[in-house]
Amino acid sequence: MHLAFLITFLALLGKVGATAIAVFITLFGLIPWLIAKILRW
């Protein structure tokens, strides 16, 4: 039971971590694009 809980927790943590990484990549990709767009405008 405890091992199953630990595996589930680690899987959830991995999923959250992957989502956070994807969000950071998206933000770091969008920020320069937004700055460029504002400067052009």
N, C-alpha and C. Protein backbone atom coordinates (compact mmCIF):
# COMPACT_ATOMS: atom_id res chain seq x y z
N MET A 1 0.84 -1.21 0.00
CA MET A 1 0.00 0.00 0.00
C MET A 1 0.88 1.26 0.00
N HIS A 2 1.86 1.29 0.88
CA HIS A 2 2.74 2.45 0.99
C HIS A 2 3.57 2.64 -0.29
N LEU A 3 4.05 1.52 -0.84
CA LEU A 3 4.84 1.56 -2.07
C LEU A 3 4.01 2.07 -3.25
N ALA A 4 2.76 1.60 -3.32
CA ALA A 4 1.85 2.04 -4.39
C ALA A 4 1.58 3.55 -4.28
N PHE A 5 1.42 4.02 -3.03
CA PHE A 5 1.19 5.44 -2.78
C PHE A 5 2.41 6.25 -3.21
N LEU A 6 3.59 5.75 -2.87
CA LEU A 6 4.85 6.43 -3.22
C LEU A 6 5.02 6.52 -4.73
N ILE A 7 4.73 5.43 -5.45
CA ILE A 7 4.82 5.40 -6.91
C ILE A 7 3.82 6.40 -7.53
N THR A 8 2.61 6.42 -6.99
CA THR A 8 1.58 7.34 -7.47
C THR A 8 2.01 8.78 -7.23
N PHE A 9 2.55 9.05 -6.03
CA PHE A 9 3.03 10.38 -5.68
C PHE A 9 4.16 10.83 -6.60
N LEU A 10 5.11 9.93 -6.85
CA LEU A 10 6.24 10.25 -7.74
C LEU A 10 5.76 10.49 -9.18
N ALA A 11 4.80 9.71 -9.63
CA ALA A 11 4.24 9.88 -10.98
C ALA A 11 3.54 11.24 -11.09
N LEU A 12 2.78 11.60 -10.05
CA LEU A 12 2.08 12.88 -10.02
C LEU A 12 3.08 14.03 -9.97
N LEU A 13 4.12 13.88 -9.16
CA LEU A 13 5.18 14.89 -9.05
C LEU A 13 5.89 15.07 -10.40
N GLY A 14 6.15 13.96 -11.08
CA GLY A 14 6.78 14.01 -12.40
C GLY A 14 5.90 14.72 -13.41
N LYS A 15 4.60 14.46 -13.34
CA LYS A 15 3.64 15.09 -14.24
C LYS A 15 3.58 16.60 -13.98
N VAL A 16 3.54 16.98 -12.71
CA VAL A 16 3.52 18.39 -12.32
C VAL A 16 4.82 19.08 -12.75
N GLY A 17 5.95 18.39 -12.53
CA GLY A 17 7.26 18.92 -12.93
C GLY A 17 7.35 19.13 -14.43
N ALA A 18 6.85 18.17 -15.19
CA ALA A 18 6.87 18.26 -16.65
C ALA A 18 5.99 19.42 -17.12
N THR A 19 4.84 19.60 -16.47
CA THR A 19 3.93 20.70 -16.79
C THR A 19 4.59 22.04 -16.48
N ALA A 20 5.24 22.13 -15.32
CA ALA A 20 5.93 23.36 -14.92
C ALA A 20 7.05 23.70 -15.91
N ILE A 21 7.82 22.69 -16.33
CA ILE A 21 8.89 22.88 -17.31
C ILE A 21 8.31 23.38 -18.64
N ALA A 22 7.21 22.77 -19.08
CA ALA A 22 6.55 23.18 -20.32
C ALA A 22 6.07 24.63 -20.24
N VAL A 23 5.51 25.02 -19.09
CA VAL A 23 5.04 26.39 -18.87
C VAL A 23 6.22 27.37 -18.90
N PHE A 24 7.33 27.01 -18.24
CA PHE A 24 8.51 27.88 -18.24
C PHE A 24 9.07 28.04 -19.65
N ILE A 25 9.14 26.95 -20.42
CA ILE A 25 9.62 27.00 -21.81
C ILE A 25 8.72 27.92 -22.64
N THR A 26 7.41 27.78 -22.45
CA THR A 26 6.44 28.61 -23.17
C THR A 26 6.62 30.08 -22.81
N LEU A 27 6.77 30.38 -21.51
CA LEU A 27 6.97 31.76 -21.06
C LEU A 27 8.26 32.34 -21.60
N PHE A 28 9.36 31.58 -21.51
CA PHE A 28 10.64 32.06 -22.02
C PHE A 28 10.62 32.23 -23.53
N GLY A 29 9.76 31.48 -24.22
CA GLY A 29 9.59 31.63 -25.65
C GLY A 29 8.73 32.85 -26.00
N LEU A 30 7.70 33.11 -25.17
CA LEU A 30 6.77 34.20 -25.46
C LEU A 30 7.29 35.57 -25.06
N ILE A 31 8.05 35.65 -23.96
CA ILE A 31 8.53 36.96 -23.47
C ILE A 31 9.35 37.71 -24.54
N PRO A 32 10.38 37.09 -25.16
CA PRO A 32 11.12 37.82 -26.21
C PRO A 32 10.25 38.21 -27.40
N TRP A 33 9.29 37.32 -27.75
CA TRP A 33 8.36 37.59 -28.85
C TRP A 33 7.49 38.81 -28.53
N LEU A 34 6.99 38.87 -27.27
CA LEU A 34 6.17 40.01 -26.85
C LEU A 34 6.98 41.30 -26.85
N ILE A 35 8.21 41.25 -26.34
CA ILE A 35 9.10 42.42 -26.32
C ILE A 35 9.36 42.91 -27.74
N ALA A 36 9.65 41.98 -28.65
CA ALA A 36 9.89 42.33 -30.06
C ALA A 36 8.65 42.97 -30.69
N LYS A 37 7.49 42.41 -30.37
CA LYS A 37 6.23 42.93 -30.91
C LYS A 37 5.95 44.33 -30.39
N ILE A 38 6.18 44.55 -29.09
CA ILE A 38 5.96 45.87 -28.47
C ILE A 38 6.94 46.89 -29.06
N LEU A 39 8.20 46.50 -29.22
CA LEU A 39 9.21 47.41 -29.76
C LEU A 39 8.93 47.78 -31.22
N ARG A 40 8.43 46.81 -32.00
CA ARG A 40 8.07 47.07 -33.39
C ARG A 40 6.85 47.98 -33.47
N TRP A 41 5.93 47.79 -32.55
CA TRP A 41 4.70 48.58 -32.52
C TRP A 41 4.99 49.94 -31.90
